[in-house]
N, C-alpha and C. Protein backbone atom coordinates (compact mmCIF):
# COMPACT_ATOMS: atom_id res chain seq x y z
N MET A 1 -2.10 -88.14 -14.05
CA MET A 1 -2.84 -86.87 -14.26
C MET A 1 -2.68 -85.96 -13.01
N ASN A 2 -2.40 -86.51 -11.93
CA ASN A 2 -2.16 -85.82 -10.72
C ASN A 2 -0.89 -84.89 -10.85
N LYS A 3 0.19 -85.49 -11.46
CA LYS A 3 1.39 -84.69 -11.63
C LYS A 3 1.21 -83.56 -12.63
N PHE A 4 0.45 -83.79 -13.67
CA PHE A 4 0.21 -82.73 -14.68
C PHE A 4 -0.60 -81.60 -14.08
N SER A 5 -1.50 -81.96 -13.21
CA SER A 5 -2.29 -80.95 -12.54
C SER A 5 -1.42 -80.09 -11.67
N ASN A 6 -0.49 -80.62 -10.92
CA ASN A 6 0.41 -79.79 -10.10
C ASN A 6 1.31 -78.90 -10.94
N LEU A 7 1.74 -79.33 -12.12
CA LEU A 7 2.56 -78.48 -12.96
C LEU A 7 1.73 -77.33 -13.47
N LYS A 8 0.47 -77.62 -13.83
CA LYS A 8 -0.39 -76.52 -14.35
C LYS A 8 -0.60 -75.45 -13.28
N LYS A 9 -0.81 -75.84 -12.01
CA LYS A 9 -1.03 -74.88 -10.94
C LYS A 9 0.25 -74.04 -10.74
N ARG A 10 1.44 -74.66 -10.77
CA ARG A 10 2.67 -73.88 -10.60
C ARG A 10 2.84 -72.85 -11.73
N GLY A 11 2.54 -73.19 -12.92
CA GLY A 11 2.66 -72.27 -14.07
C GLY A 11 1.67 -71.11 -13.95
N VAL A 12 0.59 -71.32 -13.52
CA VAL A 12 -0.46 -70.27 -13.31
C VAL A 12 0.03 -69.36 -12.21
N THR A 13 0.56 -69.89 -11.10
CA THR A 13 1.03 -69.07 -10.02
C THR A 13 2.19 -68.26 -10.34
N ALA A 14 3.16 -68.78 -11.17
CA ALA A 14 4.29 -67.99 -11.60
C ALA A 14 3.81 -66.83 -12.47
N VAL A 15 2.81 -67.00 -13.39
CA VAL A 15 2.28 -65.93 -14.19
C VAL A 15 1.62 -64.92 -13.36
N GLU A 16 0.91 -65.35 -12.37
CA GLU A 16 0.18 -64.42 -11.50
C GLU A 16 1.13 -63.52 -10.75
N VAL A 17 2.24 -64.14 -10.25
CA VAL A 17 3.31 -63.41 -9.57
C VAL A 17 3.87 -62.36 -10.43
N LEU A 18 4.21 -62.78 -11.66
CA LEU A 18 4.82 -61.86 -12.67
C LEU A 18 3.91 -60.69 -12.99
N VAL A 19 2.63 -60.96 -13.21
CA VAL A 19 1.70 -59.89 -13.50
C VAL A 19 1.50 -58.94 -12.29
N GLY A 20 1.40 -59.57 -11.14
CA GLY A 20 1.25 -58.80 -9.91
C GLY A 20 2.45 -57.86 -9.64
N ALA A 21 3.68 -58.40 -9.90
CA ALA A 21 4.84 -57.64 -9.70
C ALA A 21 4.89 -56.48 -10.73
N SER A 22 4.50 -56.74 -11.96
CA SER A 22 4.47 -55.66 -13.01
C SER A 22 3.50 -54.60 -12.64
N ILE A 23 2.32 -54.97 -12.15
CA ILE A 23 1.34 -53.96 -11.77
C ILE A 23 1.84 -53.15 -10.60
N ALA A 24 2.44 -53.81 -9.64
CA ALA A 24 3.05 -53.09 -8.48
C ALA A 24 4.14 -52.15 -8.90
N GLY A 25 4.95 -52.57 -9.84
CA GLY A 25 6.02 -51.73 -10.38
C GLY A 25 5.50 -50.50 -11.02
N VAL A 26 4.46 -50.67 -11.89
CA VAL A 26 3.83 -49.53 -12.59
C VAL A 26 3.23 -48.56 -11.57
N ILE A 27 2.54 -49.09 -10.58
CA ILE A 27 1.95 -48.23 -9.51
C ILE A 27 3.00 -47.47 -8.81
N LEU A 28 4.10 -48.11 -8.44
CA LEU A 28 5.23 -47.47 -7.75
C LEU A 28 5.81 -46.36 -8.61
N VAL A 29 6.03 -46.64 -9.84
CA VAL A 29 6.62 -45.56 -10.75
C VAL A 29 5.67 -44.37 -10.84
N MET A 30 4.31 -44.67 -11.04
CA MET A 30 3.38 -43.65 -11.17
C MET A 30 3.27 -42.76 -9.89
N ALA A 31 3.25 -43.47 -8.72
CA ALA A 31 3.25 -42.75 -7.43
C ALA A 31 4.45 -41.86 -7.24
N SER A 32 5.63 -42.40 -7.64
CA SER A 32 6.86 -41.62 -7.53
C SER A 32 6.76 -40.37 -8.40
N TYR A 33 6.27 -40.52 -9.63
CA TYR A 33 6.13 -39.39 -10.50
C TYR A 33 5.16 -38.36 -9.94
N ALA A 34 4.06 -38.84 -9.42
CA ALA A 34 3.03 -37.91 -8.89
C ALA A 34 3.64 -37.15 -7.70
N ILE A 35 4.39 -37.85 -6.78
CA ILE A 35 4.97 -37.14 -5.70
C ILE A 35 5.98 -36.04 -6.12
N SER A 36 6.80 -36.44 -7.15
CA SER A 36 7.79 -35.45 -7.62
C SER A 36 7.11 -34.19 -8.26
N GLN A 37 6.02 -34.44 -9.02
CA GLN A 37 5.23 -33.35 -9.55
C GLN A 37 4.58 -32.46 -8.43
N PHE A 38 4.12 -33.13 -7.39
CA PHE A 38 3.55 -32.39 -6.30
C PHE A 38 4.68 -31.46 -5.64
N ILE A 39 5.83 -32.06 -5.44
CA ILE A 39 6.93 -31.23 -4.84
C ILE A 39 7.31 -30.09 -5.70
N ASN A 40 7.43 -30.29 -6.99
CA ASN A 40 7.77 -29.23 -7.92
C ASN A 40 6.73 -28.15 -7.94
N ALA A 41 5.45 -28.54 -7.97
CA ALA A 41 4.33 -27.51 -7.94
C ALA A 41 4.32 -26.75 -6.62
N SER A 42 4.58 -27.49 -5.56
CA SER A 42 4.64 -26.77 -4.21
C SER A 42 5.72 -25.79 -4.17
N SER A 43 6.89 -26.11 -4.67
CA SER A 43 7.99 -25.16 -4.71
C SER A 43 7.66 -23.95 -5.56
N ALA A 44 7.09 -24.17 -6.75
CA ALA A 44 6.77 -23.04 -7.61
C ALA A 44 5.69 -22.16 -7.01
N LEU A 45 4.71 -22.75 -6.32
CA LEU A 45 3.69 -21.97 -5.64
C LEU A 45 4.28 -21.15 -4.51
N SER A 46 5.23 -21.77 -3.81
CA SER A 46 5.93 -21.00 -2.73
C SER A 46 6.65 -19.81 -3.25
N GLU A 47 7.34 -19.96 -4.34
CA GLU A 47 8.02 -18.85 -4.95
C GLU A 47 7.09 -17.75 -5.45
N LYS A 48 5.98 -18.14 -6.02
CA LYS A 48 5.02 -17.15 -6.54
C LYS A 48 4.42 -16.36 -5.33
N THR A 49 4.12 -17.11 -4.28
CA THR A 49 3.57 -16.50 -3.07
C THR A 49 4.54 -15.50 -2.51
N GLN A 50 5.79 -15.85 -2.40
CA GLN A 50 6.77 -14.88 -1.92
C GLN A 50 6.92 -13.65 -2.79
N ALA A 51 6.78 -13.91 -4.15
CA ALA A 51 6.90 -12.79 -5.06
C ALA A 51 5.73 -11.85 -4.90
N VAL A 52 4.52 -12.35 -4.68
CA VAL A 52 3.30 -11.54 -4.51
C VAL A 52 3.56 -10.65 -3.29
N TYR A 53 3.95 -11.34 -2.19
CA TYR A 53 4.21 -10.53 -0.93
C TYR A 53 5.23 -9.45 -1.16
N LEU A 54 6.31 -9.74 -1.87
CA LEU A 54 7.37 -8.75 -2.13
C LEU A 54 6.80 -7.61 -2.98
N ALA A 55 5.91 -7.91 -3.93
CA ALA A 55 5.31 -6.79 -4.72
C ALA A 55 4.38 -5.97 -3.90
N GLU A 56 3.58 -6.62 -3.07
CA GLU A 56 2.70 -5.85 -2.13
C GLU A 56 3.48 -4.96 -1.22
N ASP A 57 4.64 -5.50 -0.68
CA ASP A 57 5.52 -4.72 0.13
C ASP A 57 6.08 -3.54 -0.54
N GLY A 58 6.41 -3.73 -1.86
CA GLY A 58 6.91 -2.66 -2.73
C GLY A 58 5.92 -1.53 -2.82
N ILE A 59 4.66 -1.94 -3.05
CA ILE A 59 3.60 -0.84 -3.12
C ILE A 59 3.45 -0.11 -1.88
N GLU A 60 3.50 -0.84 -0.70
CA GLU A 60 3.44 -0.19 0.61
C GLU A 60 4.63 0.78 0.87
N LEU A 61 5.83 0.33 0.44
CA LEU A 61 7.01 1.19 0.57
C LEU A 61 6.85 2.47 -0.28
N LEU A 62 6.28 2.32 -1.46
CA LEU A 62 6.02 3.52 -2.29
C LEU A 62 4.99 4.40 -1.63
N ARG A 63 4.03 3.88 -0.99
CA ARG A 63 3.04 4.67 -0.25
C ARG A 63 3.73 5.45 0.92
N TYR A 64 4.70 4.75 1.53
CA TYR A 64 5.46 5.39 2.59
C TYR A 64 6.30 6.60 2.01
N ILE A 65 6.93 6.39 0.91
CA ILE A 65 7.63 7.45 0.29
C ILE A 65 6.75 8.62 -0.13
N ARG A 66 5.61 8.29 -0.68
CA ARG A 66 4.58 9.31 -1.01
C ARG A 66 4.15 10.08 0.21
N ASP A 67 3.90 9.41 1.31
CA ASP A 67 3.43 10.04 2.50
C ASP A 67 4.48 11.03 3.08
N ASN A 68 5.78 10.71 2.89
CA ASN A 68 6.80 11.61 3.38
C ASN A 68 7.00 12.83 2.51
N ASP A 69 6.85 12.69 1.19
CA ASP A 69 7.04 13.85 0.28
C ASP A 69 6.61 13.37 -1.11
N TRP A 70 5.49 13.93 -1.58
CA TRP A 70 4.90 13.52 -2.89
C TRP A 70 5.95 13.74 -3.98
N ALA A 71 6.77 14.77 -3.86
CA ALA A 71 7.77 15.06 -4.96
C ALA A 71 8.65 13.89 -5.21
N ASN A 72 8.87 12.99 -4.25
CA ASN A 72 9.72 11.82 -4.41
C ASN A 72 9.07 10.86 -5.43
N ILE A 73 7.76 10.96 -5.52
CA ILE A 73 7.02 10.03 -6.54
C ILE A 73 6.70 10.91 -7.73
N GLY A 74 6.12 12.11 -7.49
CA GLY A 74 5.61 13.00 -8.56
C GLY A 74 6.67 13.39 -9.52
N ASN A 75 7.94 13.49 -9.14
CA ASN A 75 8.99 13.97 -10.02
C ASN A 75 9.71 12.90 -10.76
N LEU A 76 9.32 11.58 -10.58
CA LEU A 76 10.01 10.49 -11.26
C LEU A 76 9.57 10.54 -12.73
N THR A 77 10.47 10.12 -13.63
CA THR A 77 10.21 10.14 -15.06
C THR A 77 9.32 8.90 -15.45
N ALA A 78 8.21 9.19 -16.12
CA ALA A 78 7.28 8.15 -16.53
C ALA A 78 7.97 7.15 -17.41
N GLY A 79 7.69 5.90 -17.20
CA GLY A 79 8.25 4.82 -18.10
C GLY A 79 9.67 4.38 -17.75
N THR A 80 10.34 5.00 -16.78
CA THR A 80 11.64 4.62 -16.42
C THR A 80 11.59 3.61 -15.30
N THR A 81 12.44 2.56 -15.29
CA THR A 81 12.50 1.59 -14.21
C THR A 81 13.34 2.11 -13.08
N TYR A 82 12.76 2.02 -11.87
CA TYR A 82 13.42 2.48 -10.64
C TYR A 82 13.42 1.26 -9.65
N TYR A 83 14.17 1.51 -8.60
CA TYR A 83 14.32 0.43 -7.56
C TYR A 83 14.14 1.08 -6.22
N LEU A 84 13.81 0.31 -5.21
CA LEU A 84 13.67 0.78 -3.84
C LEU A 84 15.02 0.46 -3.11
N ALA A 85 15.35 1.44 -2.23
CA ALA A 85 16.51 1.29 -1.39
C ALA A 85 16.18 1.48 0.08
N PRO A 86 15.73 0.42 0.72
CA PRO A 86 15.42 0.57 2.18
C PRO A 86 16.68 0.75 2.97
N THR A 87 16.67 1.65 3.96
CA THR A 87 17.79 1.90 4.84
C THR A 87 17.29 1.89 6.23
N ALA A 88 18.18 2.07 7.20
CA ALA A 88 17.78 2.04 8.59
C ALA A 88 16.95 3.26 8.92
N THR A 89 17.05 4.30 8.17
CA THR A 89 16.28 5.52 8.46
C THR A 89 15.07 5.72 7.58
N GLY A 90 14.85 4.90 6.55
CA GLY A 90 13.68 5.07 5.68
C GLY A 90 13.90 4.29 4.41
N VAL A 91 13.14 4.73 3.40
CA VAL A 91 13.15 4.12 2.03
C VAL A 91 13.36 5.20 1.01
N HIS A 92 14.23 4.89 0.00
CA HIS A 92 14.52 5.90 -1.00
C HIS A 92 14.35 5.22 -2.37
N VAL A 93 14.14 6.06 -3.35
CA VAL A 93 14.14 5.61 -4.77
C VAL A 93 15.59 5.58 -5.25
N SER A 94 15.94 4.51 -5.99
CA SER A 94 17.27 4.32 -6.38
C SER A 94 17.38 3.87 -7.89
N GLY A 95 18.46 4.11 -8.48
CA GLY A 95 18.76 3.63 -9.84
C GLY A 95 19.52 2.26 -9.78
N THR A 96 19.83 1.80 -8.59
CA THR A 96 20.61 0.58 -8.41
C THR A 96 19.66 -0.56 -8.20
N PRO A 97 19.75 -1.63 -8.97
CA PRO A 97 18.89 -2.82 -8.80
C PRO A 97 18.78 -3.39 -7.40
N GLU A 98 17.58 -3.74 -7.04
CA GLU A 98 17.37 -4.25 -5.65
C GLU A 98 17.15 -5.72 -5.71
N SER A 99 17.95 -6.47 -4.94
CA SER A 99 17.80 -7.94 -4.84
C SER A 99 17.39 -8.30 -3.41
N ILE A 100 16.42 -9.20 -3.38
CA ILE A 100 16.01 -9.72 -2.06
C ILE A 100 16.09 -11.20 -2.17
N GLY A 101 17.13 -11.81 -1.67
CA GLY A 101 17.34 -13.26 -1.89
C GLY A 101 17.50 -13.55 -3.35
N SER A 102 16.67 -14.45 -3.88
CA SER A 102 16.76 -14.75 -5.34
C SER A 102 15.77 -13.91 -6.17
N PHE A 103 15.16 -12.93 -5.52
CA PHE A 103 14.15 -12.05 -6.22
C PHE A 103 14.75 -10.66 -6.50
N ASN A 104 14.34 -10.06 -7.64
CA ASN A 104 14.69 -8.79 -8.01
C ASN A 104 13.39 -7.94 -8.06
N ARG A 105 13.42 -6.75 -7.37
CA ARG A 105 12.17 -5.90 -7.40
C ARG A 105 12.46 -4.56 -8.11
N SER A 106 11.55 -4.19 -8.90
CA SER A 106 11.68 -2.93 -9.59
C SER A 106 10.29 -2.33 -9.68
N PHE A 107 10.28 -1.00 -10.08
CA PHE A 107 8.97 -0.36 -10.29
C PHE A 107 9.00 0.66 -11.41
N VAL A 108 7.86 0.92 -11.99
CA VAL A 108 7.73 1.95 -13.04
C VAL A 108 6.59 2.83 -12.67
N VAL A 109 6.74 4.12 -12.92
CA VAL A 109 5.72 5.12 -12.62
C VAL A 109 5.19 5.55 -14.00
N GLU A 110 3.87 5.64 -14.14
CA GLU A 110 3.24 6.23 -15.36
C GLU A 110 2.28 7.32 -15.00
N GLN A 111 2.16 8.28 -15.94
CA GLN A 111 1.25 9.39 -15.74
C GLN A 111 -0.23 8.89 -15.78
N VAL A 112 -1.08 9.67 -15.10
CA VAL A 112 -2.47 9.38 -15.15
C VAL A 112 -3.16 10.60 -15.88
N ARG A 113 -4.08 10.24 -16.84
CA ARG A 113 -4.76 11.25 -17.52
C ARG A 113 -6.19 11.22 -17.13
N ARG A 114 -6.84 12.38 -17.01
CA ARG A 114 -8.18 12.55 -16.62
C ARG A 114 -8.99 13.32 -17.69
N ASP A 115 -10.23 12.88 -17.87
CA ASP A 115 -11.09 13.55 -18.78
C ASP A 115 -11.41 14.96 -18.20
N ASN A 116 -11.28 15.96 -19.05
CA ASN A 116 -11.43 17.35 -18.59
C ASN A 116 -12.84 17.67 -18.10
N SER A 117 -13.84 16.99 -18.64
CA SER A 117 -15.22 17.29 -18.24
C SER A 117 -15.73 16.45 -17.03
N SER A 118 -15.36 15.20 -16.98
CA SER A 118 -15.88 14.27 -16.00
C SER A 118 -14.89 13.98 -14.87
N ASP A 119 -13.61 14.25 -15.08
CA ASP A 119 -12.54 13.97 -14.12
C ASP A 119 -12.23 12.51 -14.01
N ASP A 120 -12.83 11.66 -14.87
CA ASP A 120 -12.57 10.19 -14.86
C ASP A 120 -11.19 9.96 -15.43
N ILE A 121 -10.55 8.88 -14.97
CA ILE A 121 -9.27 8.41 -15.54
C ILE A 121 -9.55 7.86 -16.89
N VAL A 122 -8.73 8.27 -17.92
CA VAL A 122 -8.90 7.81 -19.28
C VAL A 122 -7.59 7.31 -19.85
N PRO A 123 -7.61 6.55 -20.92
CA PRO A 123 -6.40 6.03 -21.46
C PRO A 123 -5.47 7.17 -21.97
N SER A 124 -4.20 6.92 -21.98
CA SER A 124 -3.29 7.90 -22.52
C SER A 124 -3.61 8.22 -23.95
N GLY A 125 -3.54 9.54 -24.24
CA GLY A 125 -3.81 9.97 -25.58
C GLY A 125 -5.31 10.27 -25.85
N ALA A 126 -6.18 10.09 -24.84
CA ALA A 126 -7.61 10.30 -25.05
C ALA A 126 -7.87 11.80 -25.31
N GLY A 127 -8.67 12.14 -26.26
CA GLY A 127 -9.02 13.50 -26.49
C GLY A 127 -9.74 14.17 -25.34
N GLY A 128 -9.55 15.44 -25.14
CA GLY A 128 -10.25 16.15 -24.05
C GLY A 128 -9.81 15.71 -22.71
N SER A 129 -8.52 15.31 -22.61
CA SER A 129 -8.01 14.95 -21.33
C SER A 129 -6.71 15.66 -21.05
N SER A 130 -6.26 15.61 -19.75
CA SER A 130 -5.06 16.28 -19.34
C SER A 130 -4.39 15.43 -18.28
N VAL A 131 -3.05 15.64 -18.10
CA VAL A 131 -2.31 14.85 -17.11
C VAL A 131 -2.68 15.32 -15.66
N ASP A 132 -2.90 14.38 -14.87
CA ASP A 132 -3.21 14.66 -13.42
C ASP A 132 -1.86 14.62 -12.71
N THR A 133 -1.40 15.77 -12.30
CA THR A 133 -0.09 15.84 -11.67
C THR A 133 -0.03 15.38 -10.25
N ASP A 134 -1.23 15.06 -9.73
CA ASP A 134 -1.27 14.51 -8.33
C ASP A 134 -1.62 13.09 -8.23
N THR A 135 -1.55 12.28 -9.31
CA THR A 135 -1.85 10.92 -9.35
C THR A 135 -0.90 10.20 -10.30
N ARG A 136 -0.41 8.99 -9.88
CA ARG A 136 0.44 8.15 -10.71
C ARG A 136 -0.01 6.74 -10.67
N PHE A 137 0.15 6.02 -11.78
CA PHE A 137 0.08 4.57 -11.78
C PHE A 137 1.47 4.04 -11.39
N ILE A 138 1.53 3.08 -10.51
CA ILE A 138 2.86 2.47 -10.23
C ILE A 138 2.66 0.92 -10.52
N THR A 139 3.66 0.36 -11.07
CA THR A 139 3.66 -1.05 -11.35
C THR A 139 4.96 -1.60 -10.74
N VAL A 140 4.80 -2.45 -9.77
CA VAL A 140 5.91 -3.13 -9.08
C VAL A 140 6.10 -4.51 -9.67
N THR A 141 7.30 -4.85 -10.12
CA THR A 141 7.60 -6.13 -10.74
C THR A 141 8.58 -6.93 -9.94
N ILE A 142 8.32 -8.14 -9.67
CA ILE A 142 9.21 -9.09 -9.07
C ILE A 142 9.70 -10.16 -10.08
N ALA A 143 10.93 -10.25 -10.28
CA ALA A 143 11.52 -11.31 -11.18
C ALA A 143 12.39 -12.26 -10.46
N TRP A 144 12.34 -13.52 -10.90
CA TRP A 144 13.20 -14.52 -10.20
C TRP A 144 13.29 -15.76 -11.10
N GLY A 145 14.18 -16.63 -10.76
CA GLY A 145 14.33 -18.00 -11.26
C GLY A 145 14.95 -18.18 -12.60
N ASN A 146 15.15 -19.43 -12.97
CA ASN A 146 15.66 -19.81 -14.21
C ASN A 146 14.89 -21.06 -14.64
N PRO A 147 14.05 -20.94 -15.67
CA PRO A 147 13.80 -19.88 -16.54
C PRO A 147 13.22 -18.62 -15.84
N ALA A 148 13.44 -17.47 -16.30
CA ALA A 148 13.01 -16.21 -15.69
C ALA A 148 11.45 -16.25 -15.63
N GLN A 149 11.00 -15.83 -14.45
CA GLN A 149 9.57 -15.72 -14.14
C GLN A 149 9.39 -14.31 -13.52
N SER A 150 8.19 -13.83 -13.61
CA SER A 150 7.91 -12.52 -12.92
C SER A 150 6.42 -12.40 -12.68
N ILE A 151 6.12 -11.44 -11.73
CA ILE A 151 4.73 -11.02 -11.51
C ILE A 151 4.80 -9.51 -11.34
N SER A 152 3.66 -8.91 -11.66
CA SER A 152 3.57 -7.41 -11.52
C SER A 152 2.27 -7.13 -10.87
N LEU A 153 2.34 -6.12 -10.02
CA LEU A 153 1.10 -5.59 -9.39
C LEU A 153 1.06 -4.04 -9.71
N THR A 154 -0.11 -3.59 -10.10
CA THR A 154 -0.29 -2.14 -10.41
C THR A 154 -1.22 -1.48 -9.43
N SER A 155 -0.98 -0.28 -9.09
CA SER A 155 -1.81 0.50 -8.17
C SER A 155 -1.79 1.93 -8.53
N LEU A 156 -2.69 2.69 -7.97
CA LEU A 156 -2.72 4.13 -8.12
C LEU A 156 -2.19 4.83 -6.89
N LEU A 157 -1.34 5.76 -7.02
CA LEU A 157 -0.85 6.56 -5.86
C LEU A 157 -1.30 8.00 -6.17
N ALA A 158 -1.92 8.58 -5.13
CA ALA A 158 -2.42 10.01 -5.25
C ALA A 158 -1.75 10.84 -4.14
N ASN A 159 -1.44 12.03 -4.51
CA ASN A 159 -0.90 13.04 -3.58
C ASN A 159 -1.95 13.27 -2.50
N GLN A 160 -1.58 13.01 -1.23
CA GLN A 160 -2.52 13.15 -0.14
C GLN A 160 -2.67 14.64 0.27
N ASN A 161 -1.68 15.43 -0.08
CA ASN A 161 -1.69 16.88 0.34
C ASN A 161 -1.47 17.77 -0.89
N PRO A 162 -2.43 17.78 -1.80
CA PRO A 162 -2.16 18.60 -3.07
C PRO A 162 -2.04 20.06 -2.84
């Protein structure tokens, strides 16, 4: 009976080792997957953060253009896609796409309509409203990646010297 008892203990030990190794393997696979997902999410967040900063920078550059001469903003065609062209001497509006690393920046200008009685901004086509020639909506869009991703920021620009 002593020999049988030793065999029984060895069998239980081998099963325990097998179960333990299986559990450790599953934990290792799950931990590897979690780490890879964390790295992917971190990379995506970094790209989105850069895109937001580039969009904010685009709005600031448009404010700079507005401050130098409102006509550079006020005379743009509503609904048309434009690009920024920074140079050593300033920033200009361009029809040539602007690439910043793996990001593409563009902007669109839209007319602003105001209620004739209250001077509040109203939706396009609202009755009793007229176009405000000294204010524009601007939407800066940053696109990147494969598959294509983008973010857009919208702001109001007003002529500071009407």
